[in-house]
PDB file of N, CA and C in Angstrom:
ATOM      1  N   MET A   1     -19.207-105.972  49.472  1.00  0.00           N
ATOM      2  CA  MET A   1     -20.065-104.927  48.922  1.00  0.00           C
ATOM      3  C   MET A   1     -19.325-104.193  47.809  1.00  0.00           C
ATOM      4  N   ASP A   2     -20.043-103.771  46.779  1.00  0.00           N
ATOM      5  CA  ASP A   2     -19.442-103.100  45.634  1.00  0.00           C
ATOM      6  C   ASP A   2     -18.993-101.686  45.986  1.00  0.00           C
ATOM      7  N   LYS A   3     -18.022-101.209  45.227  1.00  0.00           N
ATOM      8  CA  LYS A   3     -17.499 -99.861  45.421  1.00  0.00           C
ATOM      9  C   LYS A   3     -17.633 -99.075  44.122  1.00  0.00           C
ATOM     10  N   ILE A   4     -17.665 -97.741  44.265  1.00  0.00           N
ATOM     11  CA  ILE A   4     -17.727 -96.844  43.119  1.00  0.00           C
ATOM     12  C   ILE A   4     -16.650 -95.778  43.254  1.00  0.00           C
ATOM     13  N   ASN A   5     -16.289 -95.176  42.141  1.00  0.00           N
ATOM     14  CA  ASN A   5     -15.310 -94.095  42.116  1.00  0.00           C
ATOM     15  C   ASN A   5     -16.033 -92.783  41.857  1.00  0.00           C
ATOM     16  N   VAL A   6     -15.753 -91.782  42.694  1.00  0.00           N
ATOM     17  CA  VAL A   6     -16.335 -90.453  42.535  1.00  0.00           C
ATOM     18  C   VAL A   6     -15.243 -89.418  42.777  1.00  0.00           C
ATOM     19  N   GLU A   7     -15.557 -88.167  42.481  1.00  0.00           N
ATOM     20  CA  GLU A   7     -14.653 -87.050  42.767  1.00  0.00           C
ATOM     21  C   GLU A   7     -15.343 -86.088  43.712  1.00  0.00           C
ATOM     22  N   VAL A   8     -14.546 -85.431  44.545  1.00  0.00           N
ATOM     23  CA  VAL A   8     -15.048 -84.376  45.426  1.00  0.00           C
ATOM     24  C   VAL A   8     -14.252 -83.120  45.108  1.00  0.00           C
ATOM     25  N   ALA A   9     -14.963 -82.011  44.854  1.00  0.00           N
ATOM     26  CA  ALA A   9     -14.309 -80.777  44.419  1.00  0.00           C
ATOM     27  C   ALA A   9     -14.689 -79.602  45.312  1.00  0.00           C
ATOM     28  N   PHE A  10     -13.697 -78.734  45.545  1.00  0.00           N
ATOM     29  CA  PHE A  10     -13.910 -77.484  46.268  1.00  0.00           C
ATOM     30  C   PHE A  10     -12.851 -76.506  45.797  1.00  0.00           C
ATOM     31  N   ALA A  11     -13.201 -75.231  45.743  1.00  0.00           N
ATOM     32  CA  ALA A  11     -12.235 -74.222  45.312  1.00  0.00           C
ATOM     33  C   ALA A  11     -12.418 -72.938  46.101  1.00  0.00           C
ATOM     34  N   THR A  12     -11.305 -72.291  46.353  1.00  0.00           N
ATOM     35  CA  THR A  12     -11.290 -70.931  46.877  1.00  0.00           C
ATOM     36  C   THR A  12     -10.689 -70.072  45.767  1.00  0.00           C
ATOM     37  N   PRO A  13     -10.685 -68.752  45.920  1.00  0.00           N
ATOM     38  CA  PRO A  13     -10.052 -67.936  44.875  1.00  0.00           C
ATOM     39  C   PRO A  13      -8.565 -68.269  44.671  1.00  0.00           C
ATOM     40  N   GLU A  14      -7.915 -68.811  45.713  1.00  0.00           N
ATOM     41  CA  GLU A  14      -6.486 -69.084  45.640  1.00  0.00           C
ATOM     42  C   GLU A  14      -6.153 -70.528  45.311  1.00  0.00           C
ATOM     43  N   LYS A  15      -7.032 -71.460  45.641  1.00  0.00           N
ATOM     44  CA  LYS A  15      -6.672 -72.876  45.577  1.00  0.00           C
ATOM     45  C   LYS A  15      -7.876 -73.720  45.167  1.00  0.00           C
ATOM     46  N   GLN A  16      -7.605 -74.753  44.402  1.00  0.00           N
ATOM     47  CA  GLN A  16      -8.660 -75.675  43.970  1.00  0.00           C
ATOM     48  C   GLN A  16      -8.229 -77.095  44.298  1.00  0.00           C
ATOM     49  N   ALA A  17      -9.182 -77.933  44.703  1.00  0.00           N
ATOM     50  CA  ALA A  17      -8.886 -79.338  44.962  1.00  0.00           C
ATOM     51  C   ALA A  17      -9.983 -80.204  44.357  1.00  0.00           C
ATOM     52  N   VAL A  18      -9.563 -81.193  43.597  1.00  0.00           N
ATOM     53  CA  VAL A  18     -10.472 -82.212  43.081  1.00  0.00           C
ATOM     54  C   VAL A  18      -9.838 -83.540  43.493  1.00  0.00           C
ATOM     55  N   THR A  19     -10.533 -84.266  44.349  1.00  0.00           N
ATOM     56  CA  THR A  19      -9.989 -85.489  44.925  1.00  0.00           C
ATOM     57  C   THR A  19     -10.801 -86.693  44.471  1.00  0.00           C
ATOM     58  N   ALA A  20     -10.124 -87.670  43.906  1.00  0.00           N
ATOM     59  CA  ALA A  20     -10.777 -88.924  43.534  1.00  0.00           C
ATOM     60  C   ALA A  20     -10.850 -89.808  44.770  1.00  0.00           C
ATOM     61  N   VAL A  21     -11.991 -90.452  44.948  1.00  0.00           N
ATOM     62  CA  VAL A  21     -12.186 -91.299  46.121  1.00  0.00           C
ATOM     63  C   VAL A  21     -13.032 -92.511  45.741  1.00  0.00           C
ATOM     64  N   THR A  22     -12.768 -93.631  46.378  1.00  0.00           N
ATOM     65  CA  THR A  22     -13.552 -94.843  46.187  1.00  0.00           C
ATOM     66  C   THR A  22     -14.395 -95.044  47.442  1.00  0.00           C
ATOM     67  N   VAL A  23     -15.687 -95.171  47.246  1.00  0.00           N
ATOM     68  CA  VAL A  23     -16.616 -95.355  48.367  1.00  0.00           C
ATOM     69  C   VAL A  23     -17.522 -96.553  48.073  1.00  0.00           C
ATOM     70  N   LEU A  24     -18.219 -97.005  49.090  1.00  0.00           N
ATOM     71  CA  LEU A  24     -19.161 -98.100  48.913  1.00  0.00           C
ATOM     72  C   LEU A  24     -20.361 -97.649  48.092  1.00  0.00           C
ATOM     73  N   THR A  25     -20.903 -98.562  47.313  1.00  0.00           N
ATOM     74  CA  THR A  25     -22.153 -98.296  46.598  1.00  0.00           C
ATOM     75  C   THR A  25     -23.189 -97.874  47.630  1.00  0.00           C
ATOM     76  N   ASP A  26     -24.088 -96.989  47.257  1.00  0.00           N
ATOM     77  CA  ASP A  26     -25.114 -96.442  48.155  1.00  0.00           C
ATOM     78  C   ASP A  26     -24.549 -95.482  49.197  1.00  0.00           C
ATOM     79  N   SER A  27     -23.340 -94.950  48.965  1.00  0.00           N
ATOM     80  CA  SER A  27     -22.795 -93.919  49.848  1.00  0.00           C
ATOM     81  C   SER A  27     -23.482 -92.594  49.548  1.00  0.00           C
ATOM     82  N   THR A  28     -23.507 -91.726  50.538  1.00  0.00           N
ATOM     83  CA  THR A  28     -24.121 -90.414  50.377  1.00  0.00           C
ATOM     84  C   THR A  28     -23.070 -89.380  49.991  1.00  0.00           C
ATOM     85  N   VAL A  29     -23.554 -88.222  49.592  1.00  0.00           N
ATOM     86  CA  VAL A  29     -22.675 -87.093  49.300  1.00  0.00           C
ATOM     87  C   VAL A  29     -21.807 -86.787  50.522  1.00  0.00           C
ATOM     88  N   GLN A  30     -22.406 -86.768  51.688  1.00  0.00           N
ATOM     89  CA  GLN A  30     -21.655 -86.458  52.915  1.00  0.00           C
ATOM     90  C   GLN A  30     -20.569 -87.503  53.186  1.00  0.00           C
ATOM     91  N   GLN A  31     -20.864 -88.764  52.955  1.00  0.00           N
ATOM     92  CA  GLN A  31     -19.869 -89.808  53.165  1.00  0.00           C
ATOM     93  C   GLN A  31     -18.714 -89.677  52.187  1.00  0.00           C
ATOM     94  N   ALA A  32     -19.004 -89.323  50.946  1.00  0.00           N
ATOM     95  CA  ALA A  32     -17.948 -89.120  49.951  1.00  0.00           C
ATOM     96  C   ALA A  32     -17.061 -87.940  50.338  1.00  0.00           C
ATOM     97  N   ILE A  33     -17.682 -86.866  50.813  1.00  0.00           N
ATOM     98  CA  ILE A  33     -16.907 -85.701  51.257  1.00  0.00           C
ATOM     99  C   ILE A  33     -15.991 -86.107  52.407  1.00  0.00           C
ATOM    100  N   GLY A  34     -16.534 -86.826  53.362  1.00  0.00           N
ATOM    101  CA  GLY A  34     -15.733 -87.275  54.501  1.00  0.00           C
ATOM    102  C   GLY A  34     -14.582 -88.173  54.084  1.00  0.00           C
ATOM    103  N   ALA A  35     -14.838 -89.087  53.164  1.00  0.00           N
ATOM    104  CA  ALA A  35     -13.809 -90.029  52.711  1.00  0.00           C
ATOM    105  C   ALA A  35     -12.714 -89.339  51.904  1.00  0.00           C
ATOM    106  N   SER A  36     -13.028 -88.205  51.301  1.00  0.00           N
ATOM    107  CA  SER A  36     -12.063 -87.513  50.437  1.00  0.00           C
ATOM    108  C   SER A  36     -10.942 -86.832  51.204  1.00  0.00           C
ATOM    109  N   GLY A  37     -11.171 -86.512  52.471  1.00  0.00           N
ATOM    110  CA  GLY A  37     -10.172 -85.781  53.245  1.00  0.00           C
ATOM    111  C   GLY A  37     -10.157 -84.292  52.956  1.00  0.00           C
ATOM    112  N   ILE A  38     -11.088 -83.825  52.138  1.00  0.00           N
ATOM    113  CA  ILE A  38     -11.102 -82.412  51.740  1.00  0.00           C
ATOM    114  C   ILE A  38     -11.406 -81.490  52.923  1.00  0.00           C
ATOM    115  N   LEU A  39     -12.117 -82.013  53.917  1.00  0.00           N
ATOM    116  CA  LEU A  39     -12.425 -81.198  55.099  1.00  0.00           C
ATOM    117  C   LEU A  39     -11.159 -80.881  55.893  1.00  0.00           C
ATOM    118  N   ASN A  40     -10.150 -81.747  55.808  1.00  0.00           N
ATOM    119  CA  ASN A  40      -8.867 -81.475  56.468  1.00  0.00           C
ATOM    120  C   ASN A  40      -8.052 -80.448  55.688  1.00  0.00           C
ATOM    121  N   GLN A  41      -8.169 -80.469  54.357  1.00  0.00           N
ATOM    122  CA  GLN A  41      -7.442 -79.513  53.515  1.00  0.00           C
ATOM    123  C   GLN A  41      -8.006 -78.102  53.629  1.00  0.00           C
ATOM    124  N   PHE A  42      -9.319 -78.005  53.832  1.00  0.00           N
ATOM    125  CA  PHE A  42     -10.008 -76.712  53.866  1.00  0.00           C
ATOM    126  C   PHE A  42     -10.853 -76.637  55.144  1.00  0.00           C
ATOM    127  N   PRO A  43     -10.230 -76.276  56.269  1.00  0.00           N
ATOM    128  CA  PRO A  43     -10.987 -76.239  57.529  1.00  0.00           C
ATOM    129  C   PRO A  43     -12.126 -75.217  57.534  1.00  0.00           C
ATOM    130  N   GLU A  44     -12.148 -74.310  56.564  1.00  0.00           N
ATOM    131  CA  GLU A  44     -13.214 -73.310  56.495  1.00  0.00           C
ATOM    132  C   GLU A  44     -14.528 -73.893  55.978  1.00  0.00           C
ATOM    133  N   ILE A  45     -14.504 -75.111  55.454  1.00  0.00           N
ATOM    134  CA  ILE A  45     -15.735 -75.731  54.959  1.00  0.00           C
ATOM    135  C   ILE A  45     -16.651 -76.050  56.135  1.00  0.00           C
ATOM    136  N   ASP A  46     -17.873 -75.559  56.046  1.00  0.00           N
ATOM    137  CA  ASP A  46     -18.909 -75.839  57.040  1.00  0.00           C
ATOM    138  C   ASP A  46     -20.111 -76.409  56.291  1.00  0.00           C
ATOM    139  N   LEU A  47     -20.253 -77.711  56.319  1.00  0.00           N
ATOM    140  CA  LEU A  47     -21.310 -78.362  55.549  1.00  0.00           C
ATOM    141  C   LEU A  47     -22.707 -78.025  56.044  1.00  0.00           C
ATOM    142  N   GLN A  48     -22.812 -77.471  57.243  1.00  0.00           N
ATOM    143  CA  GLN A  48     -24.123 -77.051  57.744  1.00  0.00           C
ATOM    144  C   GLN A  48     -24.550 -75.718  57.138  1.00  0.00           C
ATOM    145  N   LYS A  49     -23.579 -74.938  56.654  1.00  0.00           N
ATOM    146  CA  LYS A  49     -23.885 -73.618  56.090  1.00  0.00           C
ATOM    147  C   LYS A  49     -23.687 -73.537  54.575  1.00  0.00           C
ATOM    148  N   MET A  50     -22.865 -74.421  54.017  1.00  0.00           N
ATOM    149  CA  MET A  50     -22.541 -74.361  52.600  1.00  0.00           C
ATOM    150  C   MET A  50     -23.409 -75.330  51.811  1.00  0.00           C
ATOM    151  N   SER A  51     -23.671 -74.981  50.571  1.00  0.00           N
ATOM    152  CA  SER A  51     -24.432 -75.860  49.688  1.00  0.00           C
ATOM    153  C   SER A  51     -23.499 -76.885  49.062  1.00  0.00           C
ATOM    154  N   VAL A  52     -24.070 -78.015  48.692  1.00  0.00           N
ATOM    155  CA  VAL A  52     -23.336 -79.044  47.960  1.00  0.00           C
ATOM    156  C   VAL A  52     -24.156 -79.426  46.738  1.00  0.00           C
ATOM    157  N   GLY A  53     -23.489 -80.044  45.781  1.00  0.00           N
ATOM    158  CA  GLY A  53     -24.195 -80.468  44.587  1.00  0.00           C
ATOM    159  C   GLY A  53     -23.450 -81.565  43.872  1.00  0.00           C
ATOM    160  N   VAL A  54     -24.082 -82.089  42.823  1.00  0.00           N
ATOM    161  CA  VAL A  54     -23.474 -83.096  41.965  1.00  0.00           C
ATOM    162  C   VAL A  54     -23.574 -82.576  40.533  1.00  0.00           C
ATOM    163  N   PHE A  55     -22.421 -82.406  39.902  1.00  0.00           N
ATOM    164  CA  PHE A  55     -22.346 -81.876  38.536  1.00  0.00           C
ATOM    165  C   PHE A  55     -23.150 -80.587  38.369  1.00  0.00           C
ATOM    166  N   GLY A  56     -23.024 -79.661  39.314  1.00  0.00           N
ATOM    167  CA  GLY A  56     -23.648 -78.347  39.186  1.00  0.00           C
ATOM    168  C   GLY A  56     -25.091 -78.253  39.628  1.00  0.00           C
ATOM    169  N   LYS A  57     -25.668 -79.322  40.105  1.00  0.00           N
ATOM    170  CA  LYS A  57     -27.051 -79.288  40.590  1.00  0.00           C
ATOM    171  C   LYS A  57     -27.047 -79.457  42.103  1.00  0.00           C
ATOM    172  N   VAL A  58     -27.575 -78.464  42.801  1.00  0.00           N
ATOM    173  CA  VAL A  58     -27.594 -78.484  44.257  1.00  0.00           C
ATOM    174  C   VAL A  58     -28.406 -79.676  44.746  1.00  0.00           C
ATOM    175  N   CYS A  59     -27.901 -80.317  45.809  1.00  0.00           N
ATOM    176  CA  CYS A  59     -28.589 -81.460  46.387  1.00  0.00           C
ATOM    177  C   CYS A  59     -28.373 -81.464  47.901  1.00  0.00           C
ATOM    178  N   GLN A  60     -28.964 -82.422  48.559  1.00  0.00           N
ATOM    179  CA  GLN A  60     -28.821 -82.589  50.002  1.00  0.00           C
ATOM    180  C   GLN A  60     -27.638 -83.504  50.304  1.00  0.00           C
ATOM    181  N   LEU A  61     -27.120 -83.412  51.522  1.00  0.00           N
ATOM    182  CA  LEU A  61     -25.995 -84.243  51.931  1.00  0.00           C
ATOM    183  C   LEU A  61     -26.340 -85.732  51.946  1.00  0.00           C
ATOM    184  N   ASP A  62     -27.629 -86.068  52.069  1.00  0.00           N
ATOM    185  CA  ASP A  62     -28.013 -87.479  52.146  1.00  0.00           C
ATOM    186  C   ASP A  62     -28.318 -88.090  50.774  1.00  0.00           C
ATOM    187  N   ARG A  63     -28.046 -87.354  49.698  1.00  0.00           N
ATOM    188  CA  ARG A  63     -28.274 -87.889  48.348  1.00  0.00           C
ATOM    189  C   ARG A  63     -27.292 -89.025  48.084  1.00  0.00           C
ATOM    190  N   ILE A  64     -27.794 -90.121  47.534  1.00  0.00           N
ATOM    191  CA  ILE A  64     -26.943 -91.247  47.157  1.00  0.00           C
ATOM    192  C   ILE A  64     -26.213 -90.889  45.864  1.00  0.00           C
ATOM    193  N   ILE A  65     -24.910 -91.153  45.847  1.00  0.00           N
ATOM    194  CA  ILE A  65     -24.123 -90.826  44.666  1.00  0.00           C
ATOM    195  C   ILE A  65     -23.902 -92.066  43.814  1.00  0.00           C
ATOM    196  N   GLY A  66     -23.617 -91.833  42.547  1.00  0.00           N
ATOM    197  CA  GLY A  66     -23.402 -92.929  41.608  1.00  0.00           C
ATOM    198  C   GLY A  66     -21.990 -92.921  41.047  1.00  0.00           C
ATOM    199  N   GLN A  67     -21.666 -93.993  40.371  1.00  0.00           N
ATOM    200  CA  GLN A  67     -20.352 -94.175  39.752  1.00  0.00           C
ATOM    201  C   GLN A  67     -20.000 -92.983  38.855  1.00  0.00           C
ATOM    202  N   GLY A  68     -18.791 -92.440  39.070  1.00  0.00           N
ATOM    203  CA  GLY A  68     -18.272 -91.388  38.209  1.00  0.00           C
ATOM    204  C   GLY A  68     -18.789 -89.995  38.471  1.00  0.00           C
ATOM    205  N   GLU A  69     -19.653 -89.815  39.472  1.00  0.00           N
ATOM    206  CA  GLU A  69     -20.196 -88.475  39.724  1.00  0.00           C
ATOM    207  C   GLU A  69     -19.169 -87.591  40.427  1.00  0.00           C
ATOM    208  N   ARG A  70     -19.362 -86.271  40.281  1.00  0.00           N
ATOM    209  CA  ARG A  70     -18.493 -85.287  40.934  1.00  0.00           C
ATOM    210  C   ARG A  70     -19.316 -84.524  41.970  1.00  0.00           C
ATOM    211  N   VAL A  71     -18.922 -84.659  43.216  1.00  0.00           N
ATOM    212  CA  VAL A  71     -19.550 -83.935  44.319  1.00  0.00           C
ATOM    213  C   VAL A  71     -18.847 -82.589  44.432  1.00  0.00           C
ATOM    214  N   GLU A  72     -19.626 -81.516  44.516  1.00  0.00           N
ATOM    215  CA  GLU A  72     -19.064 -80.166  44.591  1.00  0.00           C
ATOM    216  C   GLU A  72     -19.542 -79.475  45.863  1.00  0.00           C
ATOM    217  N   ILE A  73     -18.638 -78.782  46.497  1.00  0.00           N
ATOM    218  CA  ILE A  73     -18.965 -77.979  47.686  1.00  0.00           C
ATOM    219  C   ILE A  73     -18.904 -76.527  47.251  1.00  0.00           C
ATOM    220  N   TYR A  74     -19.997 -75.797  47.483  1.00  0.00           N
ATOM    221  CA  TYR A  74     -20.107 -74.419  46.990  1.00  0.00           C
ATOM    222  C   TYR A  74     -19.876 -73.406  48.099  1.00  0.00           C
ATOM    223  N   ARG A  75     -19.023 -72.428  47.794  1.00  0.00           N
ATOM    224  CA  ARG A  75     -18.808 -71.309  48.720  1.00  0.00           C
ATOM    225  C   ARG A  75     -19.955 -70.324  48.585  1.00  0.00           C
ATOM    226  N   PRO A  76     -20.233 -69.568  49.645  1.00  0.00           N
ATOM    227  CA  PRO A  76     -21.254 -68.516  49.518  1.00  0.00           C
ATOM    228  C   PRO A  76     -20.793 -67.460  48.514  1.00  0.00           C
ATOM    229  N   LEU A  77     -21.724 -66.892  47.773  1.00  0.00           N
ATOM    230  CA  LEU A  77     -21.400 -65.848  46.814  1.00  0.00           C
ATOM    231  C   LEU A  77     -21.018 -64.564  47.540  1.00  0.00           C
ATOM    232  N   MET A  78     -20.003 -63.901  47.031  1.00  0.00           N
ATOM    233  CA  MET A  78     -19.583 -62.631  47.616  1.00  0.00           C
ATOM    234  C   MET A  78     -20.525 -61.509  47.190  1.00  0.00           C
ATOM    235  N   GLN A  79     -21.124 -61.669  45.995  1.00  0.00           N
ATOM    236  CA  GLN A  79     -22.025 -60.665  45.462  1.00  0.00           C
ATOM    237  C   GLN A  79     -23.056 -61.362  44.579  1.00  0.00           C
ATOM    238  N   ASN A  80     -24.257 -60.860  44.594  1.00  0.00           N
ATOM    239  CA  ASN A  80     -25.308 -61.387  43.727  1.00  0.00           C
ATOM    240  C   ASN A  80     -24.847 -61.254  42.278  1.00  0.00           C
ATOM    241  N   PRO A  81     -24.944 -62.323  41.476  1.00  0.00           N
ATOM    242  CA  PRO A  81     -24.482 -62.251  40.083  1.00  0.00           C
ATOM    243  C   PRO A  81     -25.150 -61.152  39.255  1.00  0.00           C
ATOM    244  N   MET A  82     -26.422 -60.889  39.517  1.00  0.00           N
ATOM    245  CA  MET A  82     -27.109 -59.808  38.780  1.00  0.00           C
ATOM    246  C   MET A  82     -26.501 -58.456  39.125  1.00  0.00           C
ATOM    247  N   ASP A  83     -26.203 -58.229  40.393  1.00  0.00           N
ATOM    248  CA  ASP A  83     -25.574 -56.975  40.810  1.00  0.00           C
ATOM    249  C   ASP A  83     -24.174 -56.840  40.200  1.00  0.00           C
ATOM    250  N   ALA A  84     -23.436 -57.928  40.182  1.00  0.00           N
ATOM    251  CA  ALA A  84     -22.095 -57.898  39.608  1.00  0.00           C
ATOM    252  C   ALA A  84     -22.144 -57.535  38.128  1.00  0.00           C
ATOM    253  N   ARG A  85     -23.104 -58.095  37.407  1.00  0.00           N
ATOM    254  CA  ARG A  85     -23.254 -57.809  35.982  1.00  0.00           C
ATOM    255  C   ARG A  85     -23.596 -56.332  35.783  1.00  0.00           C
ATOM    256  N   ARG A  86     -24.486 -55.797  36.603  1.00  0.00           N
ATOM    257  CA  ARG A  86     -24.837 -54.369  36.506  1.00  0.00           C
ATOM    258  C   ARG A  86     -23.631 -53.480  36.776  1.00  0.00           C
ATOM    259  N   ASP A  87     -22.857 -53.846  37.803  1.00  0.00           N
ATOM    260  CA  ASP A  87     -21.666 -53.061  38.136  1.00  0.00           C
ATOM    261  C   ASP A  87     -20.674 -53.045  36.973  1.00  0.00           C
ATOM    262  N   ARG A  88     -20.485 -54.192  36.334  1.00  0.00           N
ATOM    263  CA  ARG A  88     -19.559 -54.252  35.199  1.00  0.00           C
ATOM    264  C   ARG A  88     -20.069 -53.412  34.038  1.00  0.00           C
ATOM    265  N   ALA A  89     -21.377 -53.411  33.823  1.00  0.00           N
ATOM    266  CA  ALA A  89     -21.965 -52.619  32.736  1.00  0.00           C
ATOM    267  C   ALA A  89     -21.774 -51.132  32.988  1.00  0.00           C
ATOM    268  N   VAL A  90     -21.959 -50.716  34.236  1.00  0.00           N
ATOM    269  CA  VAL A  90     -21.786 -49.303  34.585  1.00  0.00           C
ATOM    270  C   VAL A  90     -20.322 -48.892  34.389  1.00  0.00           C
ATOM    271  N   LYS A  91     -19.392 -49.728  34.813  1.00  0.00           N
ATOM    272  CA  LYS A  91     -17.975 -49.418  34.670  1.00  0.00           C
ATOM    273  C   LYS A  91     -17.538 -49.386  33.205  1.00  0.00           C
ATOM    274  N   ALA A  92     -18.196 -50.167  32.368  1.00  0.00           N
ATOM    275  CA  ALA A  92     -17.826 -50.241  30.950  1.00  0.00           C
ATOM    276  C   ALA A  92     -18.257 -49.009  30.179  1.00  0.00           C
ATOM    277  N   LYS A  93     -19.197 -48.243  30.702  1.00  0.00           N
ATOM    278  CA  LYS A  93     -19.700 -47.048  29.992  1.00  0.00           C
ATOM    279  C   LYS A  93     -18.729 -45.908  30.032  1.00  0.00           C
TER     280      LYS A  93
END
């Protein structure tokens, strides 16, 4: 069976990891994450609660990935971006 090369990425405020992995064609996002070993590096990752995506577009764990794609695991936002922008504007005055 053919194989493809993809990347799996996750970052915290302190640390970032981008791992290249080779998986079988027709592998899912979840399978690529599992094959990357990133879950061992970051035990705080909970795929049932966190969003995932490919190149910045949110998707489901069962999405089939293609050659050269980057799977991303997203942390929950600490603050709504609109609120953060307002806070910065108020502080700048």
